[in-house]
C-alpha atoms as a PDB file:
ATOM      1  CA  MET A   1      39.846  -1.637  -6.893  1.00  0.00           C
ATOM      2  CA  ILE A   2      37.037  -3.129  -9.013  1.00  0.00           C
ATOM      3  CA  TYR A   3      38.535  -6.621  -8.847  1.00  0.00           C
ATOM      4  CA  GLU A   4      38.904  -6.361  -5.065  1.00  0.00           C
ATOM      5  CA  SER A   5      35.239  -5.313  -4.817  1.00  0.00           C
ATOM      6  CA  ILE A   6      34.196  -8.354  -6.853  1.00  0.00           C
ATOM      7  CA  LYS A   7      36.477 -10.728  -4.945  1.00  0.00           C
ATOM      8  CA  ASN A   8      35.126  -9.504  -1.610  1.00  0.00           C
ATOM      9  CA  PHE A   9      31.515  -9.064  -2.737  1.00  0.00           C
ATOM     10  CA  ALA A  10      30.143 -11.812  -0.456  1.00  0.00           C
ATOM     11  CA  LYS A  11      31.453  -9.977   2.608  1.00  0.00           C
ATOM     12  CA  GLN A  12      28.909  -7.218   1.990  1.00  0.00           C
ATOM     13  CA  PHE A  13      26.199  -9.567   3.270  1.00  0.00           C
ATOM     14  CA  ASP A  14      27.828  -9.510   6.701  1.00  0.00           C
ATOM     15  CA  TYR A  15      26.689  -5.891   6.880  1.00  0.00           C
ATOM     16  CA  LYS A  16      24.127  -5.200   9.605  1.00  0.00           C
ATOM     17  CA  PRO A  17      22.393  -1.968   8.604  1.00  0.00           C
ATOM     18  CA  GLN A  18      21.048   0.305  11.314  1.00  0.00           C
ATOM     19  CA  ILE A  19      18.236   2.825  10.946  1.00  0.00           C
ATOM     20  CA  THR A  20      18.825   6.225  12.507  1.00  0.00           C
ATOM     21  CA  GLY A  21      15.477   7.738  13.470  1.00  0.00           C
ATOM     22  CA  LYS A  22      12.009   6.315  13.960  1.00  0.00           C
ATOM     23  CA  LEU A  23      10.463   4.488  11.045  1.00  0.00           C
ATOM     24  CA  LYS A  24       6.965   3.026  10.939  1.00  0.00           C
ATOM     25  CA  LYS A  25       6.404  -0.317   9.218  1.00  0.00           C
ATOM     26  CA  TYR A  26       4.977  -0.186   5.706  1.00  0.00           C
ATOM     27  CA  GLY A  27       3.885  -2.891   3.287  1.00  0.00           C
ATOM     28  CA  LYS A  28       4.129  -0.803   0.111  1.00  0.00           C
ATOM     29  CA  PHE A  29       7.098   1.123  -1.228  1.00  0.00           C
ATOM     30  CA  VAL A  30       8.462   3.447  -3.893  1.00  0.00           C
ATOM     31  CA  VAL A  31      12.227   3.185  -4.384  1.00  0.00           C
ATOM     32  CA  ALA A  32      13.700   6.243  -6.080  1.00  0.00           C
ATOM     33  CA  GLY A  33      17.215   5.945  -7.464  1.00  0.00           C
ATOM     34  CA  MET A  34      19.341   5.983 -10.582  1.00  0.00           C
ATOM     35  CA  GLY A  35      21.981   3.743 -12.139  1.00  0.00           C
ATOM     36  CA  GLY A  36      23.900   1.437  -9.846  1.00  0.00           C
ATOM     37  CA  SER A  37      22.136   2.883  -6.813  1.00  0.00           C
ATOM     38  CA  ASN A  38      18.793   1.456  -7.875  1.00  0.00           C
ATOM     39  CA  LEU A  39      19.556  -2.181  -8.627  1.00  0.00           C
ATOM     40  CA  ALA A  40      18.624  -3.732  -5.278  1.00  0.00           C
ATOM     41  CA  ALA A  41      14.856  -3.244  -5.459  1.00  0.00           C
ATOM     42  CA  PRO A  42      14.407  -4.956  -8.872  1.00  0.00           C
ATOM     43  CA  LEU A  43      16.502  -7.934  -7.689  1.00  0.00           C
ATOM     44  CA  LEU A  44      14.393  -8.066  -4.546  1.00  0.00           C
ATOM     45  CA  GLY A  45      11.389  -8.265  -6.861  1.00  0.00           C
ATOM     46  CA  ILE A  46      12.745 -11.484  -8.395  1.00  0.00           C
ATOM     47  CA  TRP A  47      13.244 -13.034  -4.979  1.00  0.00           C
ATOM     48  CA  LYS A  48       9.988 -11.795  -3.420  1.00  0.00           C
ATOM     49  CA  PRO A  49       7.628 -11.070  -6.330  1.00  0.00           C
ATOM     50  CA  ALA A  50       4.640 -10.437  -4.032  1.00  0.00           C
ATOM     51  CA  LEU A  51       6.409  -7.447  -2.477  1.00  0.00           C
ATOM     52  CA  ASP A  52       4.669  -4.231  -3.562  1.00  0.00           C
ATOM     53  CA  VAL A  53       7.527  -2.026  -4.810  1.00  0.00           C
ATOM     54  CA  ILE A  54       7.447   0.658  -7.493  1.00  0.00           C
ATOM     55  CA  VAL A  55      10.947   1.264  -8.881  1.00  0.00           C
ATOM     56  CA  HIS A  56      11.246   4.934  -9.848  1.00  0.00           C
ATOM     57  CA  ARG A  57      14.067   6.187 -12.077  1.00  0.00           C
ATOM     58  CA  ASP A  58      13.118   9.780 -12.799  1.00  0.00           C
ATOM     59  CA  TYR A  59      12.476  13.208 -11.339  1.00  0.00           C
ATOM     60  CA  GLY A  60       9.284  13.844  -9.363  1.00  0.00           C
ATOM     61  CA  LEU A  61       7.095  10.980  -8.222  1.00  0.00           C
ATOM     62  CA  PRO A  62       5.415   8.031  -9.968  1.00  0.00           C
ATOM     63  CA  ALA A  63       2.172   8.886 -11.732  1.00  0.00           C
ATOM     64  CA  ILE A  64      -0.147   7.394  -9.132  1.00  0.00           C
ATOM     65  CA  SER A  65      -2.732   9.085  -6.930  1.00  0.00           C
ATOM     66  CA  ASP A  66      -1.753  11.014  -3.815  1.00  0.00           C
ATOM     67  CA  ALA A  67      -3.994   8.679  -1.847  1.00  0.00           C
ATOM     68  CA  GLU A  68      -1.953   5.697  -3.020  1.00  0.00           C
ATOM     69  CA  LEU A  69       1.353   7.487  -2.426  1.00  0.00           C
ATOM     70  CA  LYS A  70       0.366   8.120   1.192  1.00  0.00           C
ATOM     71  CA  LYS A  71       0.098   4.356   1.702  1.00  0.00           C
ATOM     72  CA  ARG A  72       3.714   3.891   0.653  1.00  0.00           C
ATOM     73  CA  LEU A  73       7.129   4.522   2.138  1.00  0.00           C
ATOM     74  CA  ILE A  74       9.241   6.521  -0.310  1.00  0.00           C
ATOM     75  CA  ILE A  75      12.816   5.199  -0.167  1.00  0.00           C
ATOM     76  CA  PHE A  76      15.575   7.398  -1.597  1.00  0.00           C
ATOM     77  CA  SER A  77      18.521   5.287  -2.729  1.00  0.00           C
ATOM     78  CA  SER A  78      21.655   7.168  -3.754  1.00  0.00           C
ATOM     79  CA  TYR A  79      25.041   5.662  -3.032  1.00  0.00           C
ATOM     80  CA  SER A  80      26.859   8.987  -3.333  1.00  0.00           C
ATOM     81  CA  GLY A  81      24.056  11.042  -1.823  1.00  0.00           C
ATOM     82  CA  VAL A  82      24.328  13.670  -4.548  1.00  0.00           C
ATOM     83  CA  THR A  83      22.138  12.146  -7.284  1.00  0.00           C
ATOM     84  CA  GLU A  84      20.183  15.064  -8.755  1.00  0.00           C
ATOM     85  CA  GLU A  85      17.034  13.120  -9.611  1.00  0.00           C
ATOM     86  CA  VAL A  86      16.798  11.492  -6.177  1.00  0.00           C
ATOM     87  CA  ILE A  87      17.177  14.809  -4.375  1.00  0.00           C
ATOM     88  CA  ASP A  88      14.393  16.194  -6.562  1.00  0.00           C
ATOM     89  CA  VAL A  89      12.129  13.290  -5.540  1.00  0.00           C
ATOM     90  CA  PHE A  90      13.067  13.916  -1.893  1.00  0.00           C
ATOM     91  CA  HIS A  91      11.880  17.531  -2.085  1.00  0.00           C
ATOM     92  CA  THR A  92       8.722  16.589  -4.002  1.00  0.00           C
ATOM     93  CA  ALA A  93       7.828  13.943  -1.420  1.00  0.00           C
ATOM     94  CA  ARG A  94       8.414  16.430   1.395  1.00  0.00           C
ATOM     95  CA  LYS A  95       5.961  18.896  -0.161  1.00  0.00           C
ATOM     96  CA  LYS A  96       3.339  16.150  -0.312  1.00  0.00           C
ATOM     97  CA  LYS A  97       4.109  15.148   3.292  1.00  0.00           C
ATOM     98  CA  LEU A  98       4.826  11.546   2.354  1.00  0.00           C
ATOM     99  CA  ALA A  99       6.634   9.002   4.526  1.00  0.00           C
ATOM    100  CA  ARG A 100      10.331   9.007   3.654  1.00  0.00           C
ATOM    101  CA  ALA A 101      13.512   7.025   4.307  1.00  0.00           C
ATOM    102  CA  VAL A 102      17.047   7.459   2.946  1.00  0.00           C
ATOM    103  CA  ILE A 103      19.732   4.924   1.973  1.00  0.00           C
ATOM    104  CA  THR A 104      23.116   6.492   1.178  1.00  0.00           C
ATOM    105  CA  THR A 105      26.770   6.809   2.174  1.00  0.00           C
ATOM    106  CA  GLY A 106      26.648  10.570   2.681  1.00  0.00           C
ATOM    107  CA  GLY A 107      26.452  13.697   0.551  1.00  0.00           C
ATOM    108  CA  LYS A 108      23.613  16.176   0.340  1.00  0.00           C
ATOM    109  CA  LEU A 109      20.958  13.487   0.741  1.00  0.00           C
ATOM    110  CA  LEU A 110      22.296  12.434   4.139  1.00  0.00           C
ATOM    111  CA  ALA A 111      22.541  16.067   5.226  1.00  0.00           C
ATOM    112  CA  LEU A 112      18.914  16.641   4.208  1.00  0.00           C
ATOM    113  CA  ALA A 113      17.769  13.521   6.076  1.00  0.00           C
ATOM    114  CA  LYS A 114      19.527  14.679   9.238  1.00  0.00           C
ATOM    115  CA  ARG A 115      18.204  18.221   8.942  1.00  0.00           C
ATOM    116  CA  GLU A 116      14.601  17.160   8.312  1.00  0.00           C
ATOM    117  CA  GLY A 117      14.501  14.235  10.723  1.00  0.00           C
ATOM    118  CA  VAL A 118      14.016  11.639   7.972  1.00  0.00           C
ATOM    119  CA  PRO A 119      15.046   8.087   9.002  1.00  0.00           C
ATOM    120  CA  TYR A 120      18.164   6.925   7.212  1.00  0.00           C
ATOM    121  CA  VAL A 121      20.653   4.106   6.777  1.00  0.00           C
ATOM    122  CA  GLU A 122      24.235   5.269   6.251  1.00  0.00           C
ATOM    123  CA  MET A 123      26.089   2.580   4.309  1.00  0.00           C
ATOM    124  CA  PRO A 124      29.721   1.935   5.241  1.00  0.00           C
ATOM    125  CA  ASP A 125      31.871   2.194   2.091  1.00  0.00           C
ATOM    126  CA  LYS A 126      31.988   5.698   0.601  1.00  0.00           C
ATOM    127  CA  THR A 127      34.707   4.946  -1.974  1.00  0.00           C
ATOM    128  CA  MET A 128      33.077   2.065  -3.859  1.00  0.00           C
ATOM    129  CA  GLU A 129      31.420   2.674  -7.225  1.00  0.00           C
ATOM    130  CA  PRO A 130      27.638   2.320  -6.706  1.00  0.00           C
ATOM    131  CA  ARG A 131      27.135  -0.817  -8.796  1.00  0.00           C
ATOM    132  CA  MET A 132      29.817  -2.561  -6.757  1.00  0.00           C
ATOM    133  CA  GLY A 133      28.033  -1.821  -3.458  1.00  0.00           C
ATOM    134  CA  LEU A 134      24.929  -3.766  -4.418  1.00  0.00           C
ATOM    135  CA  GLY A 135      25.232  -6.144  -1.452  1.00  0.00           C
ATOM    136  CA  TYR A 136      25.282  -3.253   1.024  1.00  0.00           C
ATOM    137  CA  SER A 137      22.365  -1.641  -0.767  1.00  0.00           C
ATOM    138  CA  PHE A 138      20.347  -4.875  -0.825  1.00  0.00           C
ATOM    139  CA  MET A 139      20.761  -5.351   2.926  1.00  0.00           C
ATOM    140  CA  ALA A 140      19.880  -1.717   3.609  1.00  0.00           C
ATOM    141  CA  HIS A 141      16.688  -2.007   1.540  1.00  0.00           C
ATOM    142  CA  LEU A 142      15.589  -5.064   3.494  1.00  0.00           C
ATOM    143  CA  LYS A 143      16.208  -3.240   6.772  1.00  0.00           C
ATOM    144  CA  VAL A 144      14.242  -0.161   5.761  1.00  0.00           C
ATOM    145  CA  MET A 145      11.390  -2.349   4.497  1.00  0.00           C
ATOM    146  CA  GLY A 146      11.230  -4.113   7.863  1.00  0.00           C
ATOM    147  CA  ALA A 147      11.986  -7.496   6.265  1.00  0.00           C
ATOM    148  CA  GLU A 148      13.916  -8.940   9.215  1.00  0.00           C
ATOM    149  CA  LYS A 149      13.381 -12.594   8.260  1.00  0.00           C
ATOM    150  CA  GLU A 150      14.613 -11.948   4.736  1.00  0.00           C
ATOM    151  CA  LEU A 151      17.520  -9.906   6.101  1.00  0.00           C
ATOM    152  CA  ALA A 152      18.661 -12.895   8.161  1.00  0.00           C
ATOM    153  CA  GLU A 153      18.390 -15.190   5.140  1.00  0.00           C
ATOM    154  CA  ALA A 154      20.330 -12.782   2.926  1.00  0.00           C
ATOM    155  CA  ALA A 155      23.100 -12.627   5.540  1.00  0.00           C
ATOM    156  CA  GLY A 156      23.781 -16.277   4.733  1.00  0.00           C
ATOM    157  CA  LEU A 157      25.191 -15.227   1.356  1.00  0.00           C
ATOM    158  CA  ALA A 158      28.306 -14.066   3.192  1.00  0.00           C
ATOM    159  CA  HIS A 159      29.112 -17.782   3.558  1.00  0.00           C
ATOM    160  CA  THR A 160      27.428 -19.449   0.575  1.00  0.00           C
ATOM    161  CA  LEU A 161      28.417 -16.929  -2.112  1.00  0.00           C
ATOM    162  CA  LYS A 162      31.958 -18.161  -2.569  1.00  0.00           C
ATOM    163  CA  PRO A 163      34.780 -15.660  -3.107  1.00  0.00           C
ATOM    164  CA  VAL A 164      35.538 -15.152  -6.778  1.00  0.00           C
ATOM    165  CA  ARG A 165      38.812 -16.537  -8.002  1.00  0.00           C
ATOM    166  CA  ASP A 166      40.245 -16.695 -11.498  1.00  0.00           C
ATOM    167  CA  ASP A 167      36.979 -17.965 -12.963  1.00  0.00           C
ATOM    168  CA  PRO A 168      37.522 -19.445 -16.450  1.00  0.00           C
ATOM    169  CA  HIS A 169      33.845 -19.157 -17.420  1.00  0.00           C
ATOM    170  CA  SER A 170      33.844 -15.374 -17.063  1.00  0.00           C
ATOM    171  CA  LYS A 171      37.030 -15.147 -19.135  1.00  0.00           C
ATOM    172  CA  SER A 172      35.462 -17.306 -21.842  1.00  0.00           C
ATOM    173  CA  ILE A 173      32.351 -15.111 -22.043  1.00  0.00           C
ATOM    174  CA  ALA A 174      34.521 -11.977 -22.121  1.00  0.00           C
ATOM    175  CA  LYS A 175      36.500 -13.350 -25.080  1.00  0.00           C
ATOM    176  CA  HIS A 176      33.205 -14.200 -26.795  1.00  0.00           C
ATOM    177  CA  MET A 177      32.018 -10.593 -26.371  1.00  0.00           C
ATOM    178  CA  LYS A 178      35.289  -8.889 -27.324  1.00  0.00           C
ATOM    179  CA  GLY A 179      34.947  -6.859 -30.499  1.00  0.00           C
ATOM    180  CA  PHE A 180      31.143  -7.140 -30.526  1.00  0.00           C
ATOM    181  CA  ILE A 181      28.269  -5.300 -28.873  1.00  0.00           C
ATOM    182  CA  PRO A 182      26.901  -7.451 -26.042  1.00  0.00           C
ATOM    183  CA  VAL A 183      23.160  -8.113 -25.883  1.00  0.00           C
ATOM    184  CA  ILE A 184      21.957  -9.903 -22.766  1.00  0.00           C
ATOM    185  CA  TYR A 185      18.732 -11.885 -22.969  1.00  0.00           C
ATOM    186  CA  SER A 186      16.728 -13.321 -20.070  1.00  0.00           C
ATOM    187  CA  SER A 187      13.197 -14.142 -19.048  1.00  0.00           C
ATOM    188  CA  ARG A 188      11.030 -11.235 -17.944  1.00  0.00           C
ATOM    189  CA  LYS A 189      11.386 -12.459 -14.363  1.00  0.00           C
ATOM    190  CA  ASN A 190      15.181 -12.349 -14.528  1.00  0.00           C
ATOM    191  CA  PHE A 191      15.450  -9.111 -16.491  1.00  0.00           C
ATOM    192  CA  PRO A 192      16.847  -7.220 -13.450  1.00  0.00           C
ATOM    193  CA  VAL A 193      19.821  -9.621 -13.552  1.00  0.00           C
ATOM    194  CA  ALA A 194      20.279  -9.020 -17.284  1.00  0.00           C
ATOM    195  CA  TYR A 195      20.142  -5.285 -16.580  1.00  0.00           C
ATOM    196  CA  VAL A 196      22.914  -5.595 -13.979  1.00  0.00           C
ATOM    197  CA  TRP A 197      25.025  -7.309 -16.650  1.00  0.00           C
ATOM    198  CA  LYS A 198      24.261  -4.486 -19.093  1.00  0.00           C
ATOM    199  CA  ILE A 199      25.259  -1.818 -16.561  1.00  0.00           C
ATOM    200  CA  ALA A 200      28.437  -3.731 -15.663  1.00  0.00           C
ATOM    201  CA  VAL A 201      29.502  -3.943 -19.315  1.00  0.00           C
ATOM    202  CA  ASP A 202      28.708  -0.244 -19.853  1.00  0.00           C
ATOM    203  CA  GLU A 203      30.551   1.033 -16.794  1.00  0.00           C
ATOM    204  CA  THR A 204      33.320  -1.508 -16.239  1.00  0.00           C
ATOM    205  CA  ALA A 205      34.196  -2.573 -19.797  1.00  0.00           C
ATOM    206  CA  LYS A 206      33.350   0.899 -21.194  1.00  0.00           C
ATOM    207  CA  MET A 207      31.266  -0.618 -24.009  1.00  0.00           C
ATOM    208  CA  PRO A 208      27.731  -0.154 -25.312  1.00  0.00           C
ATOM    209  CA  ALA A 209      25.521  -3.028 -24.190  1.00  0.00           C
ATOM    210  CA  PHE A 210      21.832  -3.839 -24.398  1.00  0.00           C
ATOM    211  CA  ALA A 211      19.366  -6.147 -22.687  1.00  0.00           C
ATOM    212  CA  ASN A 212      15.949  -7.543 -23.540  1.00  0.00           C
ATOM    213  CA  ALA A 213      13.524 -10.138 -22.211  1.00  0.00           C
ATOM    214  CA  PHE A 214      11.519 -13.132 -23.399  1.00  0.00           C
ATOM    215  CA  PRO A 215       8.850 -13.520 -24.564  1.00  0.00           C
ATOM    216  CA  GLU A 216       8.471  -9.875 -25.706  1.00  0.00           C
ATOM    217  CA  LEU A 217      11.645  -9.816 -27.811  1.00  0.00           C
ATOM    218  CA  ASN A 218      10.229 -12.619 -30.001  1.00  0.00           C
ATOM    219  CA  HIS A 219       7.541 -10.196 -31.131  1.00  0.00           C
ATOM    220  CA  ASN A 220       9.853  -7.444 -32.420  1.00  0.00           C
ATOM    221  CA  GLU A 221      13.633  -7.685 -31.907  1.00  0.00           C
ATOM    222  CA  LEU A 222      13.803 -11.112 -33.537  1.00  0.00           C
ATOM    223  CA  GLN A 223      12.634  -9.594 -36.826  1.00  0.00           C
ATOM    224  CA  GLY A 224      15.243  -6.863 -36.599  1.00  0.00           C
ATOM    225  CA  MET A 225      17.996  -9.435 -36.217  1.00  0.00           C
ATOM    226  CA  ALA A 226      16.594 -11.678 -38.948  1.00  0.00           C
ATOM    227  CA  GLY A 227      16.049  -8.868 -41.433  1.00  0.00           C
ATOM    228  CA  GLY A 228      19.167  -9.662 -43.429  1.00  0.00           C
ATOM    229  CA  SER A 229      21.160  -6.641 -42.327  1.00  0.00           C
ATOM    230  CA  ALA A 230      24.859  -7.151 -41.687  1.00  0.00           C
ATOM    231  CA  LEU A 231      24.440  -4.928 -38.643  1.00  0.00           C
ATOM    232  CA  ALA A 232      23.098  -7.898 -36.652  1.00  0.00           C
ATOM    233  CA  LYS A 233      26.502  -9.555 -36.914  1.00  0.00           C
ATOM    234  CA  GLN A 234      27.997  -6.786 -34.788  1.00  0.00           C
ATOM    235  CA  PHE A 235      26.200  -8.179 -31.733  1.00  0.00           C
ATOM    236  CA  SER A 236      27.183 -10.933 -29.331  1.00  0.00           C
ATOM    237  CA  PHE A 237      24.180 -12.525 -27.615  1.00  0.00           C
ATOM    238  CA  LEU A 238      24.270 -13.934 -24.103  1.00  0.00           C
ATOM    239  CA  PHE A 239      21.249 -16.049 -23.131  1.00  0.00           C
ATOM    240  CA  LEU A 240      20.726 -16.175 -19.344  1.00  0.00           C
ATOM    241  CA  LYS A 241      18.879 -19.469 -18.957  1.00  0.00           C
ATOM    242  CA  ASP A 242      17.074 -20.327 -15.732  1.00  0.00           C
ATOM    243  CA  PRO A 243      15.791 -23.891 -15.136  1.00  0.00           C
ATOM    244  CA  ASP A 244      12.934 -22.324 -13.151  1.00  0.00           C
ATOM    245  CA  ASP A 245      11.709 -20.158 -16.019  1.00  0.00           C
ATOM    246  CA  HIS A 246       8.306 -20.874 -17.577  1.00  0.00           C
ATOM    247  CA  LEU A 247       8.630 -23.942 -19.812  1.00  0.00           C
ATOM    248  CA  ARG A 248       7.460 -22.017 -22.878  1.00  0.00           C
ATOM    249  CA  VAL A 249      10.090 -19.347 -22.225  1.00  0.00           C
ATOM    250  CA  GLN A 250      12.721 -22.079 -21.987  1.00  0.00           C
ATOM    251  CA  LYS A 251      11.582 -23.459 -25.341  1.00  0.00           C
ATOM    252  CA  ARG A 252      11.629 -19.980 -26.885  1.00  0.00           C
ATOM    253  CA  MET A 253      15.248 -19.579 -25.774  1.00  0.00           C
ATOM    254  CA  ILE A 254      16.266 -22.922 -27.271  1.00  0.00           C
ATOM    255  CA  VAL A 255      14.563 -22.191 -30.587  1.00  0.00           C
ATOM    256  CA  LEU A 256      15.881 -18.627 -30.859  1.00  0.00           C
ATOM    257  CA  GLU A 257      19.409 -19.724 -29.999  1.00  0.00           C
ATOM    258  CA  GLY A 258      19.241 -22.172 -32.903  1.00  0.00           C
ATOM    259  CA  LEU A 259      17.809 -19.577 -35.269  1.00  0.00           C
ATOM    260  CA  TYR A 260      20.495 -17.053 -34.398  1.00  0.00           C
ATOM    261  CA  ARG A 261      23.241 -19.615 -34.885  1.00  0.00           C
ATOM    262  CA  ASN A 262      21.807 -20.494 -38.294  1.00  0.00           C
ATOM    263  CA  MET A 263      21.917 -16.779 -39.157  1.00  0.00           C
ATOM    264  CA  GLY A 264      25.624 -16.755 -38.344  1.00  0.00           C
ATOM    265  CA  LEU A 265      25.181 -14.686 -35.178  1.00  0.00           C
ATOM    266  CA  ARG A 266      27.308 -15.099 -32.066  1.00  0.00           C
ATOM    267  CA  VAL A 267      25.416 -16.788 -29.233  1.00  0.00           C
ATOM    268  CA  GLU A 268      26.586 -17.850 -25.774  1.00  0.00           C
ATOM    269  CA  PRO A 269      24.199 -19.674 -23.401  1.00  0.00           C
ATOM    270  CA  LEU A 270      24.654 -19.354 -19.641  1.00  0.00           C
ATOM    271  CA  ILE A 271      22.630 -21.427 -17.188  1.00  0.00           C
ATOM    272  CA  ILE A 272      22.208 -19.510 -13.932  1.00  0.00           C
ATOM    273  CA  ARG A 273      22.239 -21.790 -10.910  1.00  0.00           C
ATOM    274  CA  GLY A 274      22.362 -21.534  -7.143  1.00  0.00           C
ATOM    275  CA  VAL A 275      21.708 -23.419  -3.942  1.00  0.00           C
ATOM    276  CA  THR A 276      18.760 -21.116  -3.135  1.00  0.00           C
ATOM    277  CA  PRO A 277      16.761 -18.638  -5.256  1.00  0.00           C
ATOM    278  CA  LEU A 278      18.637 -15.708  -3.681  1.00  0.00           C
ATOM    279  CA  HIS A 279      22.002 -17.389  -4.111  1.00  0.00           C
ATOM    280  CA  LYS A 280      21.184 -17.946  -7.779  1.00  0.00           C
ATOM    281  CA  ILE A 281      20.418 -14.250  -8.284  1.00  0.00           C
ATOM    282  CA  PHE A 282      23.641 -13.020  -6.766  1.00  0.00           C
ATOM    283  CA  SER A 283      25.800 -15.750  -8.299  1.00  0.00           C
ATOM    284  CA  ALA A 284      24.655 -14.441 -11.686  1.00  0.00           C
ATOM    285  CA  VAL A 285      25.299 -10.855 -10.580  1.00  0.00           C
ATOM    286  CA  VAL A 286      28.868 -11.622  -9.471  1.00  0.00           C
ATOM    287  CA  LEU A 287      29.560 -13.494 -12.705  1.00  0.00           C
ATOM    288  CA  GLY A 288      28.335 -10.453 -14.647  1.00  0.00           C
ATOM    289  CA  HIS A 289      30.715  -8.164 -12.790  1.00  0.00           C
ATOM    290  CA  LEU A 290      33.641 -10.542 -13.205  1.00  0.00           C
ATOM    291  CA  THR A 291      32.962 -11.012 -16.919  1.00  0.00           C
ATOM    292  CA  SER A 292      32.844  -7.237 -17.379  1.00  0.00           C
ATOM    293  CA  TYR A 293      36.130  -6.894 -15.509  1.00  0.00           C
ATOM    294  CA  HIS A 294      37.814  -9.406 -17.833  1.00  0.00           C
ATOM    295  CA  LEU A 295      36.202  -7.701 -20.841  1.00  0.00           C
ATOM    296  CA  ALA A 296      37.750  -4.395 -19.721  1.00  0.00           C
ATOM    297  CA  LYS A 297      41.122  -6.122 -19.599  1.00  0.00           C
ATOM    298  CA  GLU A 298      40.523  -7.615 -23.063  1.00  0.00           C
ATOM    299  CA  ASN A 299      39.713  -4.113 -24.343  1.00  0.00           C
ATOM    300  CA  GLY A 300      42.729  -2.543 -22.662  1.00  0.00           C
ATOM    301  CA  VAL A 301      40.657  -0.064 -20.627  1.00  0.00           C
ATOM    302  CA  SER A 302      40.510   0.697 -16.920  1.00  0.00           C
ATOM    303  CA  PRO A 303      37.575  -1.050 -15.213  1.00  0.00           C
ATOM    304  CA  SER A 304      37.342   1.841 -12.729  1.00  0.00           C
ATOM    305  CA  GLY A 305      36.094   5.378 -13.254  1.00  0.00           C
ATOM    306  CA  GLN A 306      33.110   7.026 -14.910  1.00  0.00           C
ATOM    307  CA  SER A 307      34.721   9.939 -16.752  1.00  0.00           C
ATOM    308  CA  ALA A 308      31.978  10.353 -19.374  1.00  0.00           C
ATOM    309  CA  ILE A 309      29.213  10.265 -16.750  1.00  0.00           C
ATOM    310  CA  GLU A 310      31.046  12.760 -14.548  1.00  0.00           C
ATOM    311  CA  GLU A 311      31.679  15.067 -17.518  1.00  0.00           C
ATOM    312  CA  PHE A 312      27.993  14.923 -18.427  1.00  0.00           C
ATOM    313  CA  LYS A 313      27.017  15.889 -14.877  1.00  0.00           C
ATOM    314  CA  LYS A 314      29.272  18.943 -15.085  1.00  0.00           C
ATOM    315  CA  LEU A 315      27.735  20.019 -18.394  1.00  0.00           C
ATOM    316  CA  ILE A 316      24.150  19.993 -17.031  1.00  0.00           C
ATOM    317  CA  ARG A 317      24.874  21.990 -13.880  1.00  0.00           C
END
């Protein structure tokens, strides 16, 4: 199931989301969501950095003034429609009489939207694990934000984002990570991509994984790795290198890669490329999912399922 989702990922950009209900146009947004349901907005921030979006991963609402909140459309993104935190934000926003819109496949959130007359986009695939429906979610976000030009451009990925085959690069990275704790490094700009990789390793390969960004990590994490502890040798570092990153960030990556190698640490560089900025983002995303799939196979675990997460949800009811 996971491999089929990866192989057919590009087809998600053929999706033409439709809004049910009347929705005014806004220029500022809050996107409330958790886990794999709230990956689209940060990636959109890489592509369109001028877009005013607050990504909210918590209960309640962001700690900004009510006056500012009233200028924003609050978007509730939950693939399943039963995410506890998102439903809490939905109720909080209702009490404050804020503008709302829902993106989901169903569940309680869709029922609430229908009952309260909140505009919504109902995504098509209810069986897919949320992180694997990122293309659907990305298109739905663009639609709700009224970004029709960008929606048309993103639809082109259905043709330019080539179907994944038996990619040797992803297998090589998976073998590099096997038996170690993956740490994914990127520039601050590309951190949402690194975070997708982290989530993919966590949920697909069933492994702990971490992510950090340049230049901040040079001011703290570097010292932790260089402190002489044998613990650092339990990590496998993946450097996501972007030719469009700030030149000083590129130099920092080169220097740190050399330092880590001299310390005897495992380092794997990966240059992220694409024919357009958006294509580059999602090419890196797909490679992250495919690598995590092969890592699951290397580890002898099922790439599907979220048993620990589901068990946790039962315990907090």
